[in-house]
Amino acid sequence: MNYLIYPIKIMNITQTYENDFSHSRHTVGTPKDYPIDDNCGATGANGYFYCPCNKMIIKKIYGVGTSSTNVLWLESVMPVITPTFTDYVTIMIGHIEDNELNKLKIGQTFNRKEPIAIEGKDGYATGEHFHIVVGRGKFKGSGWVKNTNDIWVINTTEGAVKPEDAFFIDNTFTTIKNSNGLNFLDLYIPTIEENNYYYTTAAESLNIRLGPGTNYNAINTLPKNTRINVKEFIGSWAKISDKEYISSNYLSKDVPNKFYDTKMTTADFLNVRSKPAGTILKVKAPLPKGTTVAIMEIKDNWIRIDKNRWIFQDYVN
């Protein structure tokens, strides 16, 4: 699942949007945002900002080589799950040094927990830290706009959100040294019992049907060696979601050397193509919302779900 997690390994928030000094002016103007400063648990440039979701893209880099404060904008490539909403997010990060931003470029992408840049003190910062602002939705306009207090705030399609409403805390990744009074929700992913995992064995592809029988329509296919979480068995059929069934004759508990995990489609009806941006297929397509798909390969924001079957990455979760 594409959860949004806190992007720093040691949380040490030195200033929140509620503190006096510069940040409070962000929350009383119109529009507003909710900045925090985090120095990564120590002084000195030894802390990284990590990609907080499955994939983010650089939308804008500002200030390199000027006296202005350096700013970096990141946008999620697909909707993310937060404690309060599911949507795209845009994150604005300040004070990263020129030498770090010079390593980056617009359009560059990062995968979950991949380091992006080291904290800095570019601009008017008194010490190394990240100035972090979160917006719901996609990057909008120039990425920021002045509020009624003449303060630059983040500009996104759905407005700014408080960091504690956006980030989960993954306790296997982030240690909280100081949250400065902000209450973040721990990420909890229920453990799936190993006994529920099965692997498809059909030599070609295994049909997913809308009911437990060959008389039900087939809506998609799964390649060999797809890992499936079986909810229950009904005769010779395995129920894999509220509406999907596969033949249990082609399932095994034996773990293959390589297997494919699955996700669910989120669009009402999702086109399937012969290749990335290729011809729209008619057989077992389009896929209705909530269809299980295998993740065999990701290429240029397209996912291969079976032989010569591709879907756009933004519409799975």
Protein backbone atom coordinates (compact mmCIF):
# COMPACT_ATOMS: atom_id res chain seq x y z
CA MET A 1 0.00 0.00 0.00
CA ASN A 2 1.24 3.48 -0.86
CA TYR A 3 1.37 4.97 2.64
CA LEU A 4 3.02 8.38 3.15
CA ILE A 5 5.62 8.08 5.91
CA TYR A 6 7.74 10.67 7.69
CA PRO A 7 10.77 11.30 5.44
CA ILE A 8 13.56 11.57 8.04
CA LYS A 9 15.20 8.78 10.05
CA ILE A 10 15.48 10.75 13.30
CA MET A 11 12.66 13.23 13.88
CA ASN A 12 13.86 16.33 15.70
CA ILE A 13 11.35 19.09 14.98
CA THR A 14 12.87 22.37 16.11
CA GLN A 15 9.99 24.60 15.04
CA THR A 16 6.38 23.93 14.10
CA TYR A 17 3.72 26.01 12.39
CA GLU A 18 2.42 26.96 15.86
CA ASN A 19 5.70 28.44 17.10
CA ASP A 20 6.38 32.15 17.21
CA PHE A 21 9.03 33.65 14.94
CA SER A 22 8.71 33.10 11.20
CA HIS A 23 6.35 30.13 10.95
CA SER A 24 3.29 31.53 12.70
CA ARG A 25 2.80 34.05 9.89
CA HIS A 26 2.09 31.13 7.57
CA THR A 27 -0.97 29.96 9.51
CA VAL A 28 -2.84 33.25 10.02
CA GLY A 29 -2.77 34.56 6.45
CA THR A 30 -4.83 33.52 3.43
CA PRO A 31 -4.04 31.10 1.91
CA LYS A 32 -2.05 29.34 4.62
CA ASP A 33 0.33 26.45 5.04
CA TYR A 34 1.87 24.57 7.96
CA PRO A 35 5.70 24.51 7.90
CA ILE A 36 7.94 22.58 10.23
CA ASP A 37 11.72 22.62 10.66
CA ASP A 38 13.55 19.35 11.32
CA ASN A 39 17.32 19.11 11.80
CA CYS A 40 17.37 15.29 11.54
CA GLY A 41 18.31 14.69 15.15
CA ALA A 42 21.72 16.36 15.17
CA THR A 43 23.59 19.45 14.14
CA GLY A 44 25.60 19.38 10.96
CA ALA A 45 24.79 18.30 7.44
CA ASN A 46 24.47 14.59 8.15
CA GLY A 47 20.75 14.01 7.72
CA TYR A 48 18.88 13.01 4.57
CA PHE A 49 15.37 13.66 3.32
CA TYR A 50 14.09 10.30 2.05
CA CYS A 51 11.34 9.57 -0.45
CA PRO A 52 8.24 9.05 1.75
CA CYS A 53 6.05 7.04 -0.64
CA ASN A 54 6.33 4.55 -3.50
CA LYS A 55 7.48 7.17 -6.00
CA MET A 56 7.97 10.95 -6.18
CA ILE A 57 9.07 13.25 -8.98
CA ILE A 58 10.93 16.57 -8.83
CA LYS A 59 8.63 19.31 -10.11
CA LYS A 60 10.75 22.41 -9.47
CA ILE A 61 14.13 23.56 -8.13
CA TYR A 62 14.49 27.20 -7.07
CA GLY A 63 17.24 29.49 -5.82
CA VAL A 64 20.46 27.74 -6.82
CA GLY A 65 23.25 30.27 -7.29
CA THR A 66 21.22 33.20 -5.91
CA SER A 67 20.85 34.89 -2.54
CA SER A 68 17.28 33.55 -2.29
CA THR A 69 16.52 30.54 -0.10
CA ASN A 70 16.79 27.30 -2.05
CA VAL A 71 13.53 25.36 -2.42
CA LEU A 72 12.73 21.92 -3.85
CA TRP A 73 9.26 20.67 -4.82
CA LEU A 74 8.38 16.96 -4.94
CA GLU A 75 5.08 15.47 -6.15
CA SER A 76 3.83 11.91 -5.65
CA VAL A 77 3.53 10.00 -8.91
CA MET A 78 0.32 8.35 -7.71
CA PRO A 79 -2.19 8.92 -4.89
CA VAL A 80 -0.90 8.17 -1.39
CA ILE A 81 -2.64 7.04 1.78
CA THR A 82 -2.32 9.46 4.71
CA PRO A 83 -3.96 9.47 8.16
CA THR A 84 -6.69 11.82 6.89
CA PHE A 85 -7.05 11.40 3.11
CA THR A 86 -5.99 9.50 -0.02
CA ASP A 87 -4.76 11.76 -2.82
CA TYR A 88 -1.65 13.07 -4.52
CA VAL A 89 0.70 15.09 -2.32
CA THR A 90 3.24 17.80 -3.06
CA ILE A 91 6.06 18.53 -0.61
CA MET A 92 8.08 21.75 -0.54
CA ILE A 93 11.53 21.58 1.11
CA GLY A 94 13.73 24.58 1.93
CA HIS A 95 17.38 25.32 2.85
CA ILE A 96 19.06 22.53 0.87
CA GLU A 97 22.53 23.70 -0.24
CA ASP A 98 23.51 24.46 -3.85
CA ASN A 99 25.89 21.52 -4.07
CA GLU A 100 23.04 19.12 -3.19
CA LEU A 101 20.49 20.66 -5.54
CA ASN A 102 23.03 20.65 -8.36
CA LYS A 103 22.89 16.84 -8.20
CA LEU A 104 19.16 16.89 -8.93
CA LYS A 105 17.08 17.74 -11.99
CA ILE A 106 13.44 18.40 -12.80
CA GLY A 107 11.66 15.18 -13.79
CA GLN A 108 13.97 12.98 -11.72
CA THR A 109 12.12 10.31 -9.74
CA PHE A 110 12.82 8.55 -6.45
CA ASN A 111 11.46 5.35 -4.93
CA ARG A 112 10.33 4.78 -1.35
CA LYS A 113 13.05 5.36 1.30
CA GLU A 114 15.59 6.41 -1.33
CA PRO A 115 17.73 9.37 -0.12
CA ILE A 116 17.07 12.59 -2.01
CA ALA A 117 19.15 15.37 -0.42
CA ILE A 118 21.06 16.33 2.73
CA GLU A 119 19.79 19.05 5.09
CA GLY A 120 21.39 22.49 4.77
CA LYS A 121 21.26 26.10 5.93
CA ASP A 122 20.98 27.93 2.63
CA GLY A 123 19.26 31.31 2.82
CA TYR A 124 18.41 32.76 6.21
CA ALA A 125 18.63 29.56 8.23
CA THR A 126 20.52 29.69 11.54
CA GLY A 127 21.58 26.04 11.28
CA GLU A 128 21.28 22.95 9.12
CA HIS A 129 17.71 21.69 8.81
CA PHE A 130 14.85 21.02 6.41
CA HIS A 131 11.95 23.46 6.15
CA ILE A 132 9.09 21.12 5.19
CA VAL A 133 5.62 22.03 3.92
CA VAL A 134 3.00 19.55 2.68
CA GLY A 135 0.17 20.18 0.23
CA ARG A 136 -2.65 17.90 -0.79
CA GLY A 137 -2.99 17.41 -4.53
CA LYS A 138 -0.66 18.24 -7.37
CA PHE A 139 1.87 21.01 -7.89
CA LYS A 140 0.03 24.17 -9.00
CA GLY A 141 1.21 27.30 -10.82
CA SER A 142 4.69 28.24 -9.65
CA GLY A 143 4.44 25.92 -6.64
CA TRP A 144 3.89 28.76 -4.20
CA VAL A 145 1.84 31.91 -3.77
CA LYS A 146 1.94 34.91 -1.41
CA ASN A 147 -0.65 35.04 1.34
CA THR A 148 -2.23 38.12 2.90
CA ASN A 149 0.77 38.47 5.25
CA ASP A 150 3.10 38.74 2.23
CA ILE A 151 4.48 35.26 3.02
CA TRP A 152 5.17 32.65 0.35
CA VAL A 153 3.08 29.51 1.01
CA ILE A 154 2.76 26.24 -0.90
CA ASN A 155 0.39 26.19 -3.87
CA THR A 156 -1.29 22.87 -4.73
CA THR A 157 -4.58 21.84 -6.30
CA GLU A 158 -6.16 20.95 -2.93
CA GLY A 159 -4.35 23.28 -0.51
CA ALA A 160 -1.93 22.82 2.38
CA VAL A 161 -2.26 20.20 5.12
CA LYS A 162 -0.72 19.86 8.56
CA PRO A 163 2.25 17.46 8.63
CA GLU A 164 0.66 15.24 11.28
CA ASP A 165 -2.38 14.89 8.99
CA ALA A 166 -0.13 13.84 6.10
CA PHE A 167 2.63 11.59 7.46
CA PHE A 168 2.47 8.26 9.24
CA ILE A 169 5.40 7.28 11.46
CA ASP A 170 7.00 4.05 10.28
CA ASN A 171 8.67 2.90 13.49
CA THR A 172 10.95 0.60 11.54
CA PHE A 173 12.34 3.67 9.74
CA THR A 174 11.88 6.79 11.90
CA THR A 175 12.85 7.31 15.54
CA ILE A 176 11.14 10.25 17.27
CA LYS A 177 13.62 12.34 19.24
CA ASN A 178 11.39 15.43 19.46
CA SER A 179 8.00 16.00 17.83
CA ASN A 180 7.68 19.48 19.37
CA GLY A 181 4.13 18.77 20.51
CA LEU A 182 2.81 17.42 17.19
CA ASN A 183 1.00 14.10 17.42
CA PHE A 184 1.72 11.74 14.53
CA LEU A 185 -0.08 8.47 13.93
CA ASP A 186 1.98 5.28 13.87
CA LEU A 187 1.79 3.25 10.70
CA TYR A 188 0.07 -0.04 11.37
CA ILE A 189 -0.10 -2.65 8.63
CA PRO A 190 -1.95 -5.77 9.72
CA THR A 191 0.18 -8.87 9.41
CA ILE A 192 -1.11 -11.25 6.77
CA GLU A 193 -0.92 -14.83 7.94
CA GLU A 194 1.56 -16.74 5.85
CA ASN A 195 -1.01 -19.52 5.42
CA ASN A 196 -3.08 -17.16 3.25
CA TYR A 197 -0.35 -16.81 0.65
CA TYR A 198 -0.58 -18.95 -2.48
CA TYR A 199 1.26 -18.78 -5.80
CA THR A 200 -0.31 -19.23 -9.23
CA THR A 201 0.99 -22.14 -11.30
CA ALA A 202 -0.95 -21.93 -14.60
CA ALA A 203 1.53 -22.33 -17.46
CA GLU A 204 0.16 -19.35 -19.38
CA SER A 205 -2.22 -17.07 -17.47
CA LEU A 206 -4.89 -17.67 -14.86
CA ASN A 207 -8.30 -16.07 -15.34
CA ILE A 208 -9.85 -13.93 -12.62
CA ARG A 209 -13.61 -14.41 -12.70
CA LEU A 210 -16.54 -12.57 -11.12
CA GLY A 211 -17.79 -15.74 -9.43
CA PRO A 212 -16.76 -19.29 -8.48
CA GLY A 213 -17.26 -20.98 -11.84
CA THR A 214 -16.31 -20.91 -15.51
CA ASN A 215 -19.77 -19.54 -16.34
CA TYR A 216 -18.78 -16.21 -14.73
CA ASN A 217 -17.09 -13.52 -16.82
CA ALA A 218 -13.28 -13.36 -16.79
CA ILE A 219 -12.17 -9.76 -16.11
CA ASN A 220 -8.38 -10.12 -15.95
CA THR A 221 -5.51 -12.60 -15.99
CA LEU A 222 -2.64 -13.34 -13.62
CA PRO A 223 0.75 -14.56 -14.83
CA LYS A 224 2.42 -17.65 -13.45
CA ASN A 225 4.09 -17.13 -10.03
CA THR A 226 1.76 -14.36 -8.83
CA ARG A 227 1.44 -14.25 -5.04
CA ILE A 228 -2.20 -14.13 -3.93
CA ASN A 229 -3.80 -13.68 -0.52
CA VAL A 230 -6.72 -16.13 -0.51
CA LYS A 231 -9.70 -15.06 1.59
CA GLU A 232 -11.53 -18.38 1.44
CA PHE A 233 -12.01 -21.50 -0.67
CA ILE A 234 -15.38 -22.30 -2.21
CA GLY A 235 -15.22 -25.78 -3.69
CA SER A 236 -12.45 -25.72 -6.30
CA TRP A 237 -12.38 -21.90 -6.36
CA ALA A 238 -10.38 -19.41 -4.33
CA LYS A 239 -11.90 -16.06 -3.38
CA ILE A 240 -9.23 -13.32 -3.64
CA SER A 241 -11.40 -10.20 -3.17
CA ASP A 242 -15.03 -9.31 -2.56
CA LYS A 243 -15.85 -9.96 -6.22
CA GLU A 244 -12.94 -12.01 -7.65
CA TYR A 245 -12.31 -15.74 -7.88
CA ILE A 246 -9.60 -17.94 -9.39
CA SER A 247 -9.36 -21.69 -9.86
CA SER A 248 -7.67 -23.32 -6.87
CA ASN A 249 -6.39 -26.06 -9.18
CA TYR A 250 -3.64 -23.64 -10.19
CA LEU A 251 -2.45 -22.57 -6.75
CA SER A 252 0.48 -23.82 -4.70
CA LYS A 253 2.03 -23.11 -1.31
CA ASP A 254 5.49 -23.68 -2.77
CA VAL A 255 7.33 -20.35 -2.96
CA PRO A 256 8.94 -19.83 -6.40
CA ASN A 257 12.39 -18.26 -6.76
CA LYS A 258 10.70 -15.17 -8.20
CA PHE A 259 7.10 -14.07 -7.71
CA TYR A 260 4.92 -11.04 -8.45
CA ASP A 261 2.93 -9.10 -5.87
CA THR A 262 -0.46 -7.60 -6.65
CA LYS A 263 -2.33 -4.30 -6.35
CA MET A 264 -5.87 -3.13 -7.06
CA THR A 265 -7.07 -0.76 -9.78
CA THR A 266 -8.61 2.54 -8.64
CA ALA A 267 -10.12 3.96 -11.85
CA ASP A 268 -13.79 3.23 -12.61
CA PHE A 269 -12.73 1.57 -15.87
CA LEU A 270 -9.01 1.26 -16.65
CA ASN A 271 -7.76 0.73 -20.21
CA VAL A 272 -5.32 -2.09 -20.87
CA ARG A 273 -2.74 -1.53 -23.61
CA SER A 274 -0.50 -3.75 -25.71
CA LYS A 275 2.59 -1.85 -24.55
CA PRO A 276 3.32 1.42 -22.68
CA ALA A 277 1.05 4.04 -24.35
CA GLY A 278 0.24 1.43 -27.01
CA THR A 279 -2.94 0.09 -28.58
CA ILE A 280 -5.98 -0.21 -26.29
CA LEU A 281 -6.93 -3.89 -25.90
CA LYS A 282 -10.53 -5.11 -25.96
CA VAL A 283 -10.11 -8.60 -24.48
CA LYS A 284 -10.60 -8.67 -20.69
CA ALA A 285 -10.59 -4.87 -20.73
CA PRO A 286 -11.19 -2.24 -19.60
CA LEU A 287 -10.64 -3.33 -15.99
CA PRO A 288 -13.39 -2.38 -13.52
CA LYS A 289 -12.45 -0.59 -10.30
CA GLY A 290 -11.03 -2.93 -7.67
CA THR A 291 -9.55 -5.46 -10.10
CA THR A 292 -6.51 -7.40 -8.88
CA VAL A 293 -3.44 -6.96 -11.09
CA ALA A 294 0.07 -8.43 -10.93
CA ILE A 295 3.03 -6.05 -10.87
CA MET A 296 5.47 -7.69 -13.27
CA GLU A 297 7.39 -4.65 -14.48
CA ILE A 298 7.24 -0.85 -14.21
CA LYS A 299 8.46 1.21 -17.15
CA ASP A 300 7.97 4.97 -17.64
CA ASN A 301 4.93 5.03 -15.29
CA TRP A 302 3.37 1.99 -17.01
CA ILE A 303 2.89 -1.38 -15.29
CA ARG A 304 3.01 -4.72 -17.09
CA ILE A 305 0.32 -6.93 -15.56
CA ASP A 306 0.73 -9.93 -17.87
CA LYS A 307 2.21 -10.76 -21.26
CA ASN A 308 1.62 -7.77 -23.56
CA ARG A 309 -0.85 -6.21 -21.07
CA TRP A 310 0.01 -2.78 -19.63
CA ILE A 311 -1.86 -0.25 -17.47
CA PHE A 312 -1.02 3.29 -16.31
CA GLN A 313 0.66 3.37 -12.89
CA ASP A 314 -1.42 6.25 -11.47
CA TYR A 315 -4.52 4.06 -11.27
CA VAL A 316 -3.41 1.26 -8.97
CA ASN A 317 -2.99 1.12 -5.23
